[in-house]
Amino acid sequence: MRRLAYRARATLAALTFALTLAACKREPDFNERYEAASAKVTQTAREIDDRIAATGVPEPDAPDGPGE
C-alpha cells in the first residue's frame, strides 16, 4: 500500500512539473512582435485595397504628402 501511495505522489509530482513547464511560454522578442505587427498591417492594407477595388470607384488624385 505504501508503494502505491509513493507511486501516486511521484506521478502527481511529475504531472505538476510537466504542466508547469508547458504553461511557461517564452515571451516574443522585439523582432518577433515587429514581424507579427507588420504582417497584420500588411494583411489589413490588402483587405482595404481589395474592398476599394471591388467598389469600382476610381481613386481621386491624392497628394503625395502633407502640404502638397
N, C-alpha and C. Protein backbone atom coordinates (compact mmCIF):
# COMPACT_ATOMS: atom_id res chain seq x y z
N MET A 1 0.81 -1.19 0.00
CA MET A 1 0.00 0.00 0.00
C MET A 1 0.86 1.26 0.00
N ARG A 2 1.96 1.24 0.76
CA ARG A 2 2.84 2.39 0.79
C ARG A 2 3.47 2.63 -0.58
N ARG A 3 3.76 1.54 -1.24
CA ARG A 3 4.38 1.65 -2.55
C ARG A 3 3.44 2.33 -3.54
N LEU A 4 2.16 2.01 -3.45
CA LEU A 4 1.16 2.61 -4.32
C LEU A 4 1.02 4.11 -4.03
N ALA A 5 1.03 4.46 -2.75
CA ALA A 5 0.94 5.87 -2.36
C ALA A 5 2.17 6.64 -2.86
N TYR A 6 3.34 6.04 -2.74
CA TYR A 6 4.56 6.68 -3.22
C TYR A 6 4.49 6.89 -4.73
N ARG A 7 4.03 5.85 -5.44
CA ARG A 7 3.93 5.93 -6.89
C ARG A 7 2.92 7.01 -7.30
N ALA A 8 1.82 7.10 -6.58
CA ALA A 8 0.81 8.11 -6.89
C ALA A 8 1.37 9.51 -6.67
N ARG A 9 2.10 9.71 -5.57
CA ARG A 9 2.71 11.01 -5.31
C ARG A 9 3.75 11.36 -6.35
N ALA A 10 4.56 10.39 -6.75
CA ALA A 10 5.58 10.63 -7.76
C ALA A 10 4.94 10.99 -9.10
N THR A 11 3.86 10.30 -9.44
CA THR A 11 3.15 10.59 -10.69
C THR A 11 2.55 11.99 -10.64
N LEU A 12 1.94 12.34 -9.50
CA LEU A 12 1.35 13.66 -9.34
C LEU A 12 2.43 14.74 -9.45
N ALA A 13 3.57 14.52 -8.84
CA ALA A 13 4.66 15.49 -8.91
C ALA A 13 5.16 15.64 -10.34
N ALA A 14 5.29 14.54 -11.05
CA ALA A 14 5.76 14.60 -12.44
C ALA A 14 4.75 15.33 -13.32
N LEU A 15 3.46 15.07 -13.12
CA LEU A 15 2.43 15.77 -13.90
C LEU A 15 2.41 17.26 -13.59
N THR A 16 2.56 17.60 -12.33
CA THR A 16 2.60 19.01 -11.95
C THR A 16 3.78 19.71 -12.59
N PHE A 17 4.93 19.07 -12.56
CA PHE A 17 6.13 19.64 -13.17
C PHE A 17 5.95 19.81 -14.68
N ALA A 18 5.39 18.81 -15.34
CA ALA A 18 5.18 18.87 -16.78
C ALA A 18 4.19 19.98 -17.14
N LEU A 19 3.13 20.11 -16.40
CA LEU A 19 2.14 21.16 -16.67
C LEU A 19 2.71 22.55 -16.42
N THR A 20 3.56 22.65 -15.40
CA THR A 20 4.21 23.93 -15.12
C THR A 20 5.11 24.34 -16.28
N LEU A 21 5.89 23.40 -16.80
CA LEU A 21 6.75 23.70 -17.93
C LEU A 21 5.93 24.06 -19.17
N ALA A 22 4.84 23.37 -19.39
CA ALA A 22 4.00 23.62 -20.56
C ALA A 22 3.34 24.99 -20.46
N ALA A 23 3.02 25.44 -19.26
CA ALA A 23 2.34 26.71 -19.08
C ALA A 23 3.29 27.90 -19.22
N CYS A 24 4.57 27.68 -19.01
CA CYS A 24 5.54 28.77 -19.09
C CYS A 24 6.04 28.90 -20.52
N LYS A 25 5.49 29.87 -21.23
CA LYS A 25 5.95 30.11 -22.59
C LYS A 25 6.86 31.33 -22.60
N ARG A 26 7.78 31.32 -23.51
CA ARG A 26 8.71 32.42 -23.66
C ARG A 26 7.99 33.60 -24.31
N GLU A 27 8.24 34.79 -23.79
CA GLU A 27 7.67 36.00 -24.37
C GLU A 27 8.36 36.26 -25.72
N PRO A 28 7.60 36.71 -26.73
CA PRO A 28 8.24 37.02 -28.01
C PRO A 28 9.16 38.24 -27.87
N ASP A 29 10.29 38.19 -28.57
CA ASP A 29 11.20 39.32 -28.51
C ASP A 29 10.72 40.43 -29.47
N PHE A 30 11.46 41.52 -29.52
CA PHE A 30 11.06 42.67 -30.31
C PHE A 30 10.87 42.30 -31.78
N ASN A 31 11.82 41.57 -32.35
CA ASN A 31 11.74 41.23 -33.77
C ASN A 31 10.52 40.38 -34.08
N GLU A 32 10.21 39.45 -33.21
CA GLU A 32 9.02 38.61 -33.42
C GLU A 32 7.74 39.43 -33.33
N ARG A 33 7.68 40.34 -32.36
CA ARG A 33 6.49 41.21 -32.25
C ARG A 33 6.39 42.13 -33.45
N TYR A 34 7.53 42.67 -33.92
CA TYR A 34 7.53 43.57 -35.07
C TYR A 34 7.06 42.84 -36.33
N GLU A 35 7.56 41.63 -36.55
CA GLU A 35 7.15 40.86 -37.72
C GLU A 35 5.66 40.54 -37.69
N ALA A 36 5.14 40.20 -36.52
CA ALA A 36 3.71 39.89 -36.40
C ALA A 36 2.87 41.13 -36.67
N ALA A 37 3.28 42.26 -36.12
CA ALA A 37 2.54 43.51 -36.34
C ALA A 37 2.62 43.93 -37.80
N SER A 38 3.78 43.78 -38.40
CA SER A 38 3.95 44.14 -39.81
C SER A 38 3.08 43.27 -40.71
N ALA A 39 3.02 41.99 -40.42
CA ALA A 39 2.19 41.08 -41.21
C ALA A 39 0.71 41.44 -41.07
N LYS A 40 0.31 41.81 -39.87
CA LYS A 40 -1.10 42.18 -39.63
C LYS A 40 -1.45 43.47 -40.38
N VAL A 41 -0.57 44.46 -40.34
CA VAL A 41 -0.81 45.72 -41.04
C VAL A 41 -0.86 45.49 -42.54
N THR A 42 0.04 44.68 -43.07
CA THR A 42 0.05 44.38 -44.49
C THR A 42 -1.23 43.68 -44.91
N GLN A 43 -1.68 42.71 -44.13
CA GLN A 43 -2.92 42.00 -44.43
C GLN A 43 -4.12 42.94 -44.40
N THR A 44 -4.17 43.81 -43.42
CA THR A 44 -5.27 44.78 -43.32
C THR A 44 -5.26 45.72 -44.51
N ALA A 45 -4.08 46.17 -44.91
CA ALA A 45 -3.98 47.07 -46.06
C ALA A 45 -4.47 46.37 -47.33
N ARG A 46 -4.11 45.11 -47.50
CA ARG A 46 -4.59 44.36 -48.67
C ARG A 46 -6.11 44.24 -48.66
N GLU A 47 -6.68 43.96 -47.48
CA GLU A 47 -8.13 43.83 -47.38
C GLU A 47 -8.82 45.15 -47.73
N ILE A 48 -8.26 46.26 -47.25
CA ILE A 48 -8.83 47.57 -47.56
C ILE A 48 -8.72 47.84 -49.05
N ASP A 49 -7.56 47.57 -49.63
CA ASP A 49 -7.38 47.78 -51.07
C ASP A 49 -8.34 46.92 -51.88
N ASP A 50 -8.56 45.68 -51.45
CA ASP A 50 -9.50 44.80 -52.16
C ASP A 50 -10.92 45.34 -52.07
N ARG A 51 -11.31 45.87 -50.91
CA ARG A 51 -12.66 46.43 -50.78
C ARG A 51 -12.82 47.66 -51.66
N ILE A 52 -11.80 48.50 -51.70
CA ILE A 52 -11.86 49.70 -52.54
C ILE A 52 -11.94 49.30 -54.00
N ALA A 53 -11.11 48.34 -54.41
CA ALA A 53 -11.10 47.90 -55.80
C ALA A 53 -12.44 47.28 -56.19
N ALA A 54 -13.12 46.65 -55.27
CA ALA A 54 -14.39 45.99 -55.56
C ALA A 54 -15.53 46.98 -55.77
N THR A 55 -15.36 48.22 -55.32
CA THR A 55 -16.43 49.21 -55.48
C THR A 55 -16.51 49.74 -56.90
N GLY A 56 -15.41 49.66 -57.63
CA GLY A 56 -15.40 50.16 -58.99
C GLY A 56 -15.30 51.68 -59.07
N VAL A 57 -15.06 52.32 -57.96
CA VAL A 57 -14.94 53.77 -57.92
C VAL A 57 -13.48 54.13 -58.16
N PRO A 58 -13.21 55.02 -59.13
CA PRO A 58 -11.80 55.40 -59.35
C PRO A 58 -11.26 56.17 -58.15
N GLU A 59 -9.99 56.00 -57.91
CA GLU A 59 -9.35 56.70 -56.81
C GLU A 59 -9.10 58.14 -57.22
N PRO A 60 -9.38 59.11 -56.33
CA PRO A 60 -9.08 60.51 -56.66
C PRO A 60 -7.58 60.73 -56.63
N ASP A 61 -7.13 61.78 -57.29
CA ASP A 61 -5.70 62.11 -57.24
C ASP A 61 -5.38 62.61 -55.85
N ALA A 62 -4.63 61.82 -55.13
CA ALA A 62 -4.27 62.17 -53.76
C ALA A 62 -2.91 62.83 -53.77
N PRO A 63 -2.70 63.81 -52.90
CA PRO A 63 -1.36 64.45 -52.81
C PRO A 63 -0.35 63.43 -52.30
N ASP A 64 0.92 63.66 -52.63
CA ASP A 64 1.98 62.75 -52.24
C ASP A 64 2.34 62.84 -50.77
N GLY A 65 2.04 63.94 -50.14
CA GLY A 65 2.41 64.08 -48.74
C GLY A 65 1.71 65.27 -48.13
N PRO A 66 1.99 65.56 -46.89
CA PRO A 66 1.36 66.69 -46.23
C PRO A 66 1.76 68.01 -46.85
N GLY A 67 0.80 68.88 -47.00
CA GLY A 67 1.08 70.21 -47.52
C GLY A 67 1.24 70.29 -49.01
N GLU A 68 0.96 69.23 -49.71
CA GLU A 68 1.13 69.27 -51.18
C GLU A 68 -0.22 69.26 -51.85
